[in-house]
Amino acid sequence: MKKIILFIAAIALLASCASSSQGNGGEVVGVGGTAWAEPAPYGMVLVKRGSFEMGPAEKDSLWGTSQDPRGISVDAFWMDETEITNSKYKQFVFWVRDSIIRERLADPAYGGNEAFKIEEDKEGNPVTPHLNWNKAIPWRNPSEDEARAIESVYRINPITGKKELDGTQMNYRYEVFDHTEAAKRKNRLDVTRRILNTDIKPNYDEQVMISKDTAFIDDDGNIIRETLTRPLQSEFDFLHTYIVNIYPDTTAWVNDFDNAYNEPYMRMYFSHAGYNDYPVVGVSWEQANAFCAWRTNYLIASYGGRGPMFVEPFRLPTEAEWEYAARTGKNENKYPWSGDVPMAEKGCFYANFKPDKGNYVKDGHLITSKVGSYSPNEFGLYDMAGNVSEWTSTAYTETANLHTSDMNPEYKYNAAKEDPYKMKRKIVRGGSWKDVSNFIRSDIRMWEYQNEQRSYIGFRCVRSQIGFAKGRK
């Protein structure tokens, strides 16, 4: 009886397929599906695809600027409307802090219990009991063992006697799969598909060498970074592991300026709530990338298994994307606004920069300003000139135009620890609060070493657009 039922079901399936084919006249009509309408990412604006002449269009002998325009095109992407603020970066730091506490609450070395369950907020994020930053969860006194785990991420300042977060422990581990390198023909695991020219016989003895970034923490708590060079073995060779200390270097305010009293900024700029809406600084290119990875994982976790299988990652903008967004795709724009001067006729400034020699306050600010203090450009982006310079994903080379495509150009180089320091330079754009007007131009490229942390460099994130955006045209 069971066989008869299965036979009837098979006949019904074939009949269904046949009727579907016959109904279309035997023509290929394609496979349907449901397209996922990507919601507008919070705090981001859509920069539509377009083309422009990238680079300075005019030679300026006074500043040593060479004429080097180049026609390029970029696809649509989402971009943060403002620079990442201290408040948003603190959320990253506190998430890492709470994750460390959560692990230690179950670690016998801290008197923990593997069965311990820490409270979570409605978004599924860990909430340490004594912090009580989510008022919806009732506060309770932690046990002695729990308190030991919680207090372990803090230190007592030997000078002031105050308890403060131990920034040296704020290490974030993440993994990145290099889709580009994995997709290259030369790196295919199937030897017969590396060269499609049938006149050339496959070399089955060929060893393809790869470079794989990895990291671990040694017994002394030090982050050990290594770049392994070895024969290609599997797709996991393109999965890179990073461990990054993500706490900003607050001492940048002192180390960037000789013989200046900037200690108040060092003490308060990142920690004091009064600076929450100011752009985060003292963050290296490596730390900015870690933030992008965390932000992606944080978004995926927020879906709780109900969202799409794949989320387009947050990342740093390419140099081309950044310049296109700053100039609003217009070849004639040297700045995010039209014209060649950084202020209106009535003397109102368009950006936060250094207007005069020794005069930082002429534009209304001494150092950074709150994000969004000035009018946005036509794309709706704030502070694309001045305030803080911004990291891009692009590696610096003097001859980038010779190495990159004119479609979505990007020069990427992941420097190994052993590489010469000059190979660890990355492009920064937009100029900062300490720069004169020439260096806040949108078409001027500058660079900094990827591990440097400056009081005048911050960043913002982008995401490539998927399909069409819900609620946007």
Protein backbone atom coordinates (compact mmCIF):
# COMPACT_ATOMS: atom_id res chain seq x y z
CA MET A 1 0.00 0.00 0.00
CA LYS A 2 2.87 2.35 0.87
CA LYS A 3 4.53 1.73 -2.52
CA ILE A 4 1.27 2.55 -4.31
CA ILE A 5 0.97 5.86 -2.45
CA LEU A 6 4.55 6.83 -3.31
CA PHE A 7 3.96 5.88 -6.97
CA ILE A 8 0.82 8.04 -7.13
CA ALA A 9 2.70 10.95 -5.54
CA ALA A 10 5.49 10.64 -8.12
CA ILE A 11 2.97 10.60 -10.99
CA ALA A 12 1.29 13.70 -9.54
CA LEU A 13 4.64 15.49 -9.33
CA LEU A 14 5.51 14.66 -12.93
CA ALA A 15 2.07 15.78 -14.05
CA SER A 16 2.52 19.04 -12.20
CA CYS A 17 5.91 19.65 -13.87
CA ALA A 18 4.49 18.74 -17.28
CA SER A 19 1.52 21.05 -16.94
CA SER A 20 3.81 23.87 -15.84
CA SER A 21 6.05 23.34 -18.86
CA GLN A 22 3.16 23.01 -21.27
CA GLY A 23 1.47 26.08 -19.82
CA ASN A 24 4.53 28.14 -20.84
CA GLY A 25 4.60 26.65 -24.30
CA GLY A 26 7.84 24.86 -23.54
CA GLU A 27 9.72 28.19 -23.38
CA VAL A 28 12.29 29.10 -20.75
CA VAL A 29 10.72 31.70 -18.49
CA GLY A 30 13.19 31.77 -15.62
CA VAL A 31 12.96 30.95 -11.94
CA GLY A 32 10.99 33.22 -9.69
CA GLY A 33 11.84 34.20 -6.17
CA THR A 34 11.30 36.71 -3.43
CA ALA A 35 13.73 39.62 -3.39
CA TRP A 36 14.70 40.87 0.04
CA ALA A 37 14.09 44.61 0.29
CA GLU A 38 17.04 45.93 2.29
CA PRO A 39 15.91 48.38 4.97
CA ALA A 40 17.74 51.68 5.18
CA PRO A 41 20.60 51.11 7.66
CA TYR A 42 20.26 53.28 10.75
CA GLY A 43 22.10 56.59 10.49
CA MET A 44 23.17 56.01 6.88
CA VAL A 45 22.31 57.69 3.60
CA LEU A 46 22.27 56.10 0.17
CA VAL A 47 24.93 57.30 -2.26
CA LYS A 48 23.68 56.36 -5.70
CA ARG A 49 25.98 54.90 -8.35
CA GLY A 50 27.74 57.31 -10.66
CA SER A 51 30.98 58.42 -12.29
CA PHE A 52 33.28 61.41 -11.95
CA GLU A 53 36.82 62.64 -12.55
CA MET A 54 38.76 61.51 -9.49
CA GLY A 55 41.75 63.54 -8.30
CA PRO A 56 42.82 67.21 -8.66
CA ALA A 57 41.75 68.76 -11.97
CA GLU A 58 44.14 71.71 -11.65
CA LYS A 59 47.84 72.02 -10.94
CA ASP A 60 48.77 74.09 -7.89
CA SER A 61 52.49 74.89 -7.67
CA LEU A 62 52.02 76.72 -4.35
CA TRP A 63 50.91 73.52 -2.57
CA GLY A 64 52.74 71.10 -4.84
CA THR A 65 49.49 69.61 -6.15
CA SER A 66 49.82 67.85 -9.50
CA GLN A 67 47.04 67.62 -12.06
CA ASP A 68 45.93 64.01 -12.07
CA PRO A 69 42.23 63.55 -12.93
CA ARG A 70 40.96 60.10 -13.84
CA GLY A 71 37.50 58.98 -14.90
CA ILE A 72 36.07 56.25 -12.64
CA SER A 73 32.68 54.77 -11.77
CA VAL A 74 31.40 53.46 -8.44
CA ASP A 75 28.34 51.43 -7.54
CA ALA A 76 25.73 52.51 -5.00
CA PHE A 77 26.53 52.24 -1.31
CA TRP A 78 25.27 53.31 2.07
CA MET A 79 27.43 55.71 4.08
CA ASP A 80 27.22 56.96 7.67
CA GLU A 81 25.84 60.47 7.56
CA THR A 82 28.29 61.49 10.28
CA GLU A 83 31.63 60.30 11.56
CA ILE A 84 31.52 57.56 14.19
CA THR A 85 31.06 59.29 17.53
CA ASN A 86 32.56 58.60 20.93
CA SER A 87 29.13 57.35 22.01
CA LYS A 88 28.92 54.77 19.23
CA TYR A 89 32.48 53.61 19.76
CA LYS A 90 31.84 53.30 23.50
CA GLN A 91 29.06 50.86 22.69
CA PHE A 92 31.70 48.72 20.98
CA VAL A 93 34.07 48.99 23.96
CA PHE A 94 31.33 48.17 26.47
CA TRP A 95 30.18 45.19 24.39
CA VAL A 96 33.73 43.81 24.50
CA ARG A 97 33.92 44.53 28.22
CA ASP A 98 30.65 42.72 28.93
CA SER A 99 31.66 39.78 26.73
CA ILE A 100 34.87 39.36 28.74
CA ILE A 101 32.90 39.48 31.98
CA ARG A 102 30.42 36.96 30.67
CA GLU A 103 33.18 34.50 29.83
CA ARG A 104 34.79 34.94 33.24
CA LEU A 105 31.51 34.38 35.03
CA ALA A 106 31.72 30.81 33.74
CA ASP A 107 35.49 30.48 34.24
CA PRO A 108 36.53 28.43 37.29
CA ALA A 109 39.67 30.55 37.49
CA TYR A 110 37.44 33.44 38.58
CA GLY A 111 35.27 31.26 40.80
CA GLY A 112 32.68 31.02 38.04
CA ASN A 113 30.13 28.35 37.28
CA GLU A 114 29.59 26.95 33.81
CA ALA A 115 25.87 26.80 34.49
CA PHE A 116 25.75 30.52 35.26
CA LYS A 117 23.26 32.42 33.13
CA ILE A 118 23.76 36.15 32.85
CA GLU A 119 20.78 38.41 32.16
CA GLU A 120 20.15 39.60 28.62
CA ASP A 121 18.20 42.59 27.37
CA LYS A 122 15.38 42.29 24.86
CA GLU A 123 17.90 42.41 22.02
CA GLY A 124 19.82 39.43 23.38
CA ASN A 125 22.83 41.45 24.52
CA PRO A 126 24.61 40.49 27.76
CA VAL A 127 23.95 42.79 30.70
CA THR A 128 26.33 42.57 33.63
CA PRO A 129 24.36 42.83 36.89
CA HIS A 130 26.22 45.67 38.60
CA LEU A 131 26.24 47.98 35.59
CA ASN A 132 22.44 48.13 35.27
CA TRP A 133 22.59 50.10 32.00
CA ASN A 134 19.27 48.60 30.97
CA LYS A 135 16.67 49.75 33.50
CA ALA A 136 14.20 47.11 32.29
CA ILE A 137 16.27 44.45 34.09
CA PRO A 138 16.16 44.63 37.88
CA TRP A 139 19.47 45.20 39.64
CA ARG A 140 20.71 42.66 42.13
CA ASN A 141 23.81 42.32 44.26
CA PRO A 142 26.34 40.01 42.60
CA SER A 143 27.79 37.12 44.52
CA GLU A 144 31.42 37.20 45.63
CA ASP A 145 32.50 35.07 42.65
CA GLU A 146 30.47 37.17 40.22
CA ALA A 147 31.91 40.36 41.64
CA ARG A 148 35.43 38.99 41.17
CA ALA A 149 34.76 38.41 37.46
CA ILE A 150 33.17 41.83 37.03
CA GLU A 151 35.89 43.73 38.84
CA SER A 152 38.62 41.90 36.90
CA VAL A 153 38.23 44.22 33.88
CA TYR A 154 38.84 47.32 35.99
CA ARG A 155 41.96 48.75 37.57
CA ILE A 156 42.68 51.19 40.37
CA ASN A 157 44.66 54.14 39.12
CA PRO A 158 47.76 54.18 41.37
CA ILE A 159 47.94 57.97 41.25
CA THR A 160 44.32 59.10 41.59
CA GLY A 161 42.99 56.01 43.38
CA LYS A 162 39.97 55.96 41.05
CA LYS A 163 38.55 52.80 39.54
CA GLU A 164 38.72 52.82 35.74
CA LEU A 165 38.24 50.41 32.89
CA ASP A 166 41.44 48.53 32.05
CA GLY A 167 41.82 49.35 28.37
CA THR A 168 44.64 46.85 27.92
CA GLN A 169 42.13 44.01 28.30
CA MET A 170 39.68 45.29 25.67
CA ASN A 171 40.67 42.81 22.95
CA TYR A 172 38.26 41.89 20.17
CA ARG A 173 38.69 38.72 18.12
CA TYR A 174 37.11 38.44 14.68
CA GLU A 175 37.49 36.57 11.41
CA VAL A 176 37.34 37.79 7.83
CA PHE A 177 37.00 35.59 4.77
CA ASP A 178 38.87 37.04 1.79
CA HIS A 179 36.38 36.36 -0.99
CA THR A 180 38.51 38.13 -3.59
CA GLU A 181 41.64 36.02 -3.10
CA ALA A 182 39.60 32.83 -2.78
CA ALA A 183 37.89 33.58 -6.11
CA LYS A 184 41.05 34.12 -8.16
CA ARG A 185 41.71 31.38 -10.68
CA LYS A 186 45.31 30.99 -9.59
CA ASN A 187 44.07 30.01 -6.13
CA ARG A 188 41.55 27.37 -7.17
CA LEU A 189 41.80 24.06 -5.38
CA ASP A 190 40.96 22.24 -8.61
CA VAL A 191 44.23 22.37 -10.57
CA THR A 192 42.46 21.77 -13.91
CA ARG A 193 40.46 25.02 -13.53
CA ARG A 194 43.35 27.37 -12.82
CA ILE A 195 44.24 27.84 -16.49
CA LEU A 196 41.44 27.56 -19.04
CA ASN A 197 43.78 27.42 -22.03
CA THR A 198 43.44 23.81 -23.16
CA ASP A 199 46.81 23.97 -24.94
CA ILE A 200 48.49 24.09 -21.54
CA LYS A 201 48.51 20.91 -19.50
CA PRO A 202 47.63 21.25 -15.81
CA ASN A 203 50.61 21.07 -13.47
CA TYR A 204 49.44 18.73 -10.73
CA ASP A 205 52.70 19.22 -8.82
CA GLU A 206 52.29 23.00 -8.62
CA GLN A 207 52.24 24.46 -5.11
CA VAL A 208 50.19 27.60 -4.70
CA MET A 209 51.54 29.64 -1.80
CA ILE A 210 49.13 31.72 0.28
CA SER A 211 49.49 34.21 3.11
CA LYS A 212 47.15 33.73 6.03
CA ASP A 213 46.81 36.18 8.93
CA THR A 214 46.26 34.62 12.32
CA ALA A 215 46.46 35.74 15.92
CA PHE A 216 46.36 34.36 19.45
CA ILE A 217 46.94 35.49 23.02
CA ASP A 218 49.95 33.96 24.76
CA ASP A 219 50.21 32.87 28.40
CA ASP A 220 51.29 36.37 29.42
CA GLY A 221 48.22 37.96 27.86
CA ASN A 222 50.07 39.42 24.87
CA ILE A 223 48.47 39.51 21.43
CA ILE A 224 50.63 37.54 19.00
CA ARG A 225 49.99 38.28 15.34
CA GLU A 226 51.44 36.09 12.62
CA THR A 227 51.26 35.86 8.85
CA LEU A 228 51.64 32.26 7.76
CA THR A 229 53.01 31.57 4.30
CA ARG A 230 52.28 28.02 3.24
CA PRO A 231 50.95 25.88 0.36
CA LEU A 232 47.24 26.18 -0.34
CA GLN A 233 45.31 23.43 1.43
CA SER A 234 41.65 24.44 1.71
CA GLU A 235 39.23 27.36 1.62
CA PHE A 236 40.08 27.98 5.28
CA ASP A 237 43.41 29.37 4.08
CA PHE A 238 41.49 32.51 3.09
CA LEU A 239 39.90 32.91 6.52
CA HIS A 240 41.97 35.43 8.47
CA THR A 241 41.86 35.77 12.23
CA TYR A 242 42.53 39.05 14.02
CA ILE A 243 42.73 40.04 17.67
CA VAL A 244 42.81 43.80 18.14
CA ASN A 245 42.97 45.90 21.26
CA ILE A 246 40.17 48.32 20.51
CA TYR A 247 40.53 50.92 23.26
CA PRO A 248 41.36 54.36 21.78
CA ASP A 249 44.72 55.91 22.51
CA THR A 250 43.64 58.86 24.63
CA THR A 251 47.29 59.97 24.99
CA ALA A 252 47.27 61.01 21.31
CA TRP A 253 46.18 64.47 22.44
CA VAL A 254 49.51 64.86 24.23
CA ASN A 255 51.78 62.95 21.85
CA ASP A 256 50.56 64.72 18.71
CA PHE A 257 51.46 68.18 20.02
CA ASP A 258 54.75 69.14 21.65
CA ASN A 259 54.72 71.63 24.50
CA ALA A 260 50.95 72.03 24.63
CA TYR A 261 48.57 71.68 27.58
CA ASN A 262 46.17 69.08 26.17
CA GLU A 263 45.87 66.94 29.30
CA PRO A 264 42.15 67.75 29.79
CA TYR A 265 41.39 66.21 26.36
CA MET A 266 43.45 63.17 27.27
CA ARG A 267 41.46 62.68 30.48
CA MET A 268 37.98 63.57 29.29
CA TYR A 269 37.54 63.53 25.50
CA PHE A 270 36.61 59.83 25.30
CA SER A 271 35.36 59.20 28.84
CA HIS A 272 33.26 62.29 29.60
CA ALA A 273 29.63 62.21 28.41
CA GLY A 274 29.93 65.82 27.35
CA TYR A 275 31.96 64.65 24.36
CA ASN A 276 29.61 61.78 23.42
CA ASP A 277 28.48 63.40 20.17
CA TYR A 278 31.99 64.32 19.05
CA PRO A 279 33.88 62.13 16.57
CA VAL A 280 35.98 59.38 18.09
CA VAL A 281 39.74 59.86 17.62
CA GLY A 282 42.84 57.96 18.67
CA VAL A 283 41.57 55.00 16.66
CA SER A 284 43.92 53.24 14.24
CA TRP A 285 43.00 51.81 10.85
CA GLU A 286 43.17 48.36 12.43
CA GLN A 287 40.76 49.37 15.20
CA ALA A 288 38.39 50.97 12.68
CA ASN A 289 38.27 47.68 10.76
CA ALA A 290 37.55 45.80 13.98
CA PHE A 291 34.63 48.16 14.64
CA CYS A 292 33.23 47.45 11.16
CA ALA A 293 33.47 43.70 11.77
CA TRP A 294 31.79 44.01 15.18
CA ARG A 295 29.04 46.22 13.76
CA THR A 296 28.31 43.58 11.12
CA ASN A 297 28.18 40.76 13.67
CA TYR A 298 26.08 42.91 16.01
CA LEU A 299 23.51 43.45 13.23
CA ILE A 300 23.41 39.75 12.37
CA ALA A 301 22.86 38.89 16.04
CA SER A 302 20.00 41.37 16.26
CA TYR A 303 18.01 39.34 13.70
CA GLY A 304 17.96 36.41 16.12
CA GLY A 305 17.85 33.92 13.26
CA ARG A 306 14.90 35.70 11.63
CA GLY A 307 16.88 37.74 9.12
CA PRO A 308 18.60 36.98 5.82
CA MET A 309 21.25 34.29 5.61
CA PHE A 310 23.85 36.85 4.53
CA VAL A 311 24.26 40.47 5.58
CA GLU A 312 26.38 42.76 3.45
CA PRO A 313 29.22 43.73 5.83
CA PHE A 314 29.97 47.17 7.16
CA ARG A 315 33.42 48.29 6.04
CA LEU A 316 35.61 51.33 5.54
CA PRO A 317 34.96 53.22 2.30
CA THR A 318 37.38 52.87 -0.57
CA GLU A 319 39.27 56.01 -1.47
CA ALA A 320 37.17 56.34 -4.65
CA GLU A 321 33.88 55.94 -2.77
CA TRP A 322 34.93 58.52 -0.20
CA GLU A 323 35.91 61.15 -2.78
CA TYR A 324 32.81 60.51 -4.89
CA ALA A 325 30.58 60.92 -1.84
CA ALA A 326 32.40 64.05 -0.64
CA ARG A 327 32.26 65.80 -4.02
CA THR A 328 28.68 64.60 -4.64
CA GLY A 329 29.85 63.16 -7.94
CA LYS A 330 30.63 66.59 -9.43
CA ASN A 331 33.89 67.12 -11.26
CA GLU A 332 33.94 70.85 -10.50
CA ASN A 333 33.71 70.39 -6.73
CA LYS A 334 36.99 70.64 -4.85
CA TYR A 335 35.07 70.64 -1.58
CA PRO A 336 31.80 69.05 -0.44
CA TRP A 337 30.21 72.35 -1.43
CA SER A 338 30.33 74.36 -4.65
CA GLY A 339 32.97 77.03 -5.02
CA ASP A 340 36.62 77.30 -3.96
CA VAL A 341 36.26 79.03 -0.59
CA PRO A 342 35.42 77.41 2.78
CA MET A 343 32.94 80.03 3.90
CA ALA A 344 29.85 81.91 2.74
CA GLU A 345 29.85 85.60 1.77
CA LYS A 346 28.59 86.54 5.24
CA GLY A 347 31.56 84.80 6.84
CA CYS A 348 29.82 81.62 7.97
CA PHE A 349 32.16 78.65 7.73
CA TYR A 350 31.23 75.45 5.92
CA ALA A 351 33.53 73.22 7.97
CA ASN A 352 35.66 72.89 11.10
CA PHE A 353 39.31 73.54 10.18
CA LYS A 354 42.17 75.93 10.97
CA PRO A 355 41.17 79.22 9.32
CA ASP A 356 44.28 81.23 10.17
CA LYS A 357 47.83 80.85 11.39
CA GLY A 358 47.59 80.25 15.11
CA ASN A 359 43.83 80.83 15.01
CA TYR A 360 41.81 77.66 15.43
CA VAL A 361 38.69 79.31 16.89
CA LYS A 362 37.71 81.58 14.01
CA ASP A 363 35.29 78.90 12.80
CA GLY A 364 33.76 78.61 16.26
CA HIS A 365 35.73 75.62 17.56
CA LEU A 366 39.18 74.97 18.97
CA ILE A 367 39.43 71.22 18.41
CA THR A 368 36.75 68.90 17.05
CA SER A 369 33.10 69.90 16.89
CA LYS A 370 29.95 67.89 17.47
CA VAL A 371 29.18 65.83 14.40
CA GLY A 372 26.62 67.49 12.16
CA SER A 373 27.43 71.02 13.37
CA TYR A 374 27.72 72.24 9.78
CA SER A 375 25.35 71.84 6.84
CA PRO A 376 25.51 68.53 4.95
CA ASN A 377 26.48 68.23 1.30
CA GLU A 378 23.93 67.43 -1.40
CA PHE A 379 24.10 63.72 -0.59
CA GLY A 380 23.13 64.43 3.04
CA LEU A 381 26.60 63.70 4.45
CA TYR A 382 28.02 65.82 7.28
CA ASP A 383 31.64 66.79 7.97
CA MET A 384 33.10 65.40 4.75
CA ALA A 385 35.59 68.25 5.08
CA GLY A 386 37.37 69.04 8.33
CA ASN A 387 36.46 68.01 11.88
CA VAL A 388 38.51 64.77 11.66
CA SER A 389 40.32 63.12 8.79
CA GLU A 390 38.85 59.72 7.92
CA TRP A 391 40.38 56.33 7.30
CA THR A 392 39.67 54.60 4.00
CA SER A 393 40.25 50.94 3.18
CA THR A 394 42.74 51.81 0.44
CA ALA A 395 46.46 51.16 0.80
CA TYR A 396 48.71 54.06 -0.16
CA THR A 397 50.95 53.96 -3.19
CA GLU A 398 52.16 56.85 -5.32
CA THR A 399 51.12 55.04 -8.52
CA ALA A 400 47.65 53.80 -7.54
CA ASN A 401 46.17 54.84 -10.90
CA LEU A 402 48.41 52.33 -12.66
CA HIS A 403 47.23 49.41 -10.52
CA THR A 404 43.48 49.86 -10.21
CA SER A 405 40.46 49.44 -12.44
CA ASP A 406 38.31 52.39 -13.50
CA MET A 407 35.25 50.53 -12.12
CA ASN A 408 35.02 50.42 -8.32
CA PRO A 409 38.80 51.01 -8.04
CA GLU A 410 40.52 49.72 -4.92
CA TYR A 411 44.15 49.08 -4.10
CA LYS A 412 44.30 46.63 -1.21
CA TYR A 413 47.39 45.38 0.55
CA ASN A 414 47.25 43.51 3.85
CA ALA A 415 50.72 44.12 5.20
CA ALA A 416 52.30 41.28 7.13
CA LYS A 417 53.95 42.00 10.45
CA GLU A 418 57.35 41.41 8.83
CA ASP A 419 56.74 43.86 5.95
CA PRO A 420 58.64 47.18 5.86
CA TYR A 421 56.78 49.90 7.71
CA LYS A 422 56.30 51.97 4.55
CA MET A 423 54.05 49.20 3.19
CA LYS A 424 51.63 49.77 6.06
CA ARG A 425 50.39 53.15 4.87
CA LYS A 426 46.67 53.73 4.34
CA ILE A 427 44.80 56.60 2.71
CA VAL A 428 43.07 59.18 4.92
CA ARG A 429 40.75 61.79 3.47
CA GLY A 430 38.95 65.02 4.29
CA GLY A 431 41.41 66.90 6.48
CA SER A 432 40.74 67.80 10.10
CA TRP A 433 40.23 70.52 12.66
CA LYS A 434 44.00 71.21 12.72
CA ASP A 435 44.41 71.57 8.91
CA VAL A 436 44.29 74.67 6.74
CA SER A 437 41.69 74.92 3.97
CA ASN A 438 43.84 73.35 1.24
CA PHE A 439 44.09 70.05 3.12
CA ILE A 440 40.36 69.69 3.74
CA ARG A 441 39.74 69.55 -0.01
CA SER A 442 37.86 66.47 -1.19
CA ASP A 443 40.31 65.77 -4.03
CA ILE A 444 43.49 65.76 -1.89
CA ARG A 445 44.87 62.42 -0.75
CA MET A 446 46.94 61.94 2.40
CA TRP A 447 48.16 58.87 4.26
CA GLU A 448 48.97 57.53 7.71
CA TYR A 449 50.43 54.28 9.05
CA GLN A 450 47.72 51.71 9.78
CA ASN A 451 48.68 51.29 13.45
CA GLU A 452 48.96 55.01 14.24
CA GLN A 453 46.36 56.61 16.51
CA ARG A 454 45.93 60.33 16.05
CA SER A 455 43.87 63.02 17.76
CA TYR A 456 42.72 64.21 14.35
CA ILE A 457 41.80 60.95 12.57
CA GLY A 458 38.46 59.17 12.86
CA PHE A 459 36.29 57.20 10.44
CA ARG A 460 32.85 56.35 9.17
CA CYS A 461 31.44 53.10 7.75
CA VAL A 462 29.85 52.15 4.45
CA ARG A 463 27.86 49.16 3.15
CA SER A 464 27.39 48.15 -0.46
CA GLN A 465 23.74 48.41 -1.50
CA ILE A 466 21.84 45.18 -2.04
CA GLY A 467 19.11 45.38 -4.69
CA PHE A 468 16.84 48.26 -3.85
CA ALA A 469 16.38 49.97 -0.52
CA LYS A 470 13.05 49.72 1.24
CA GLY A 471 11.45 53.13 1.48
CA ARG A 472 13.94 54.71 -0.94
CA LYS A 473 13.87 55.26 -4.68
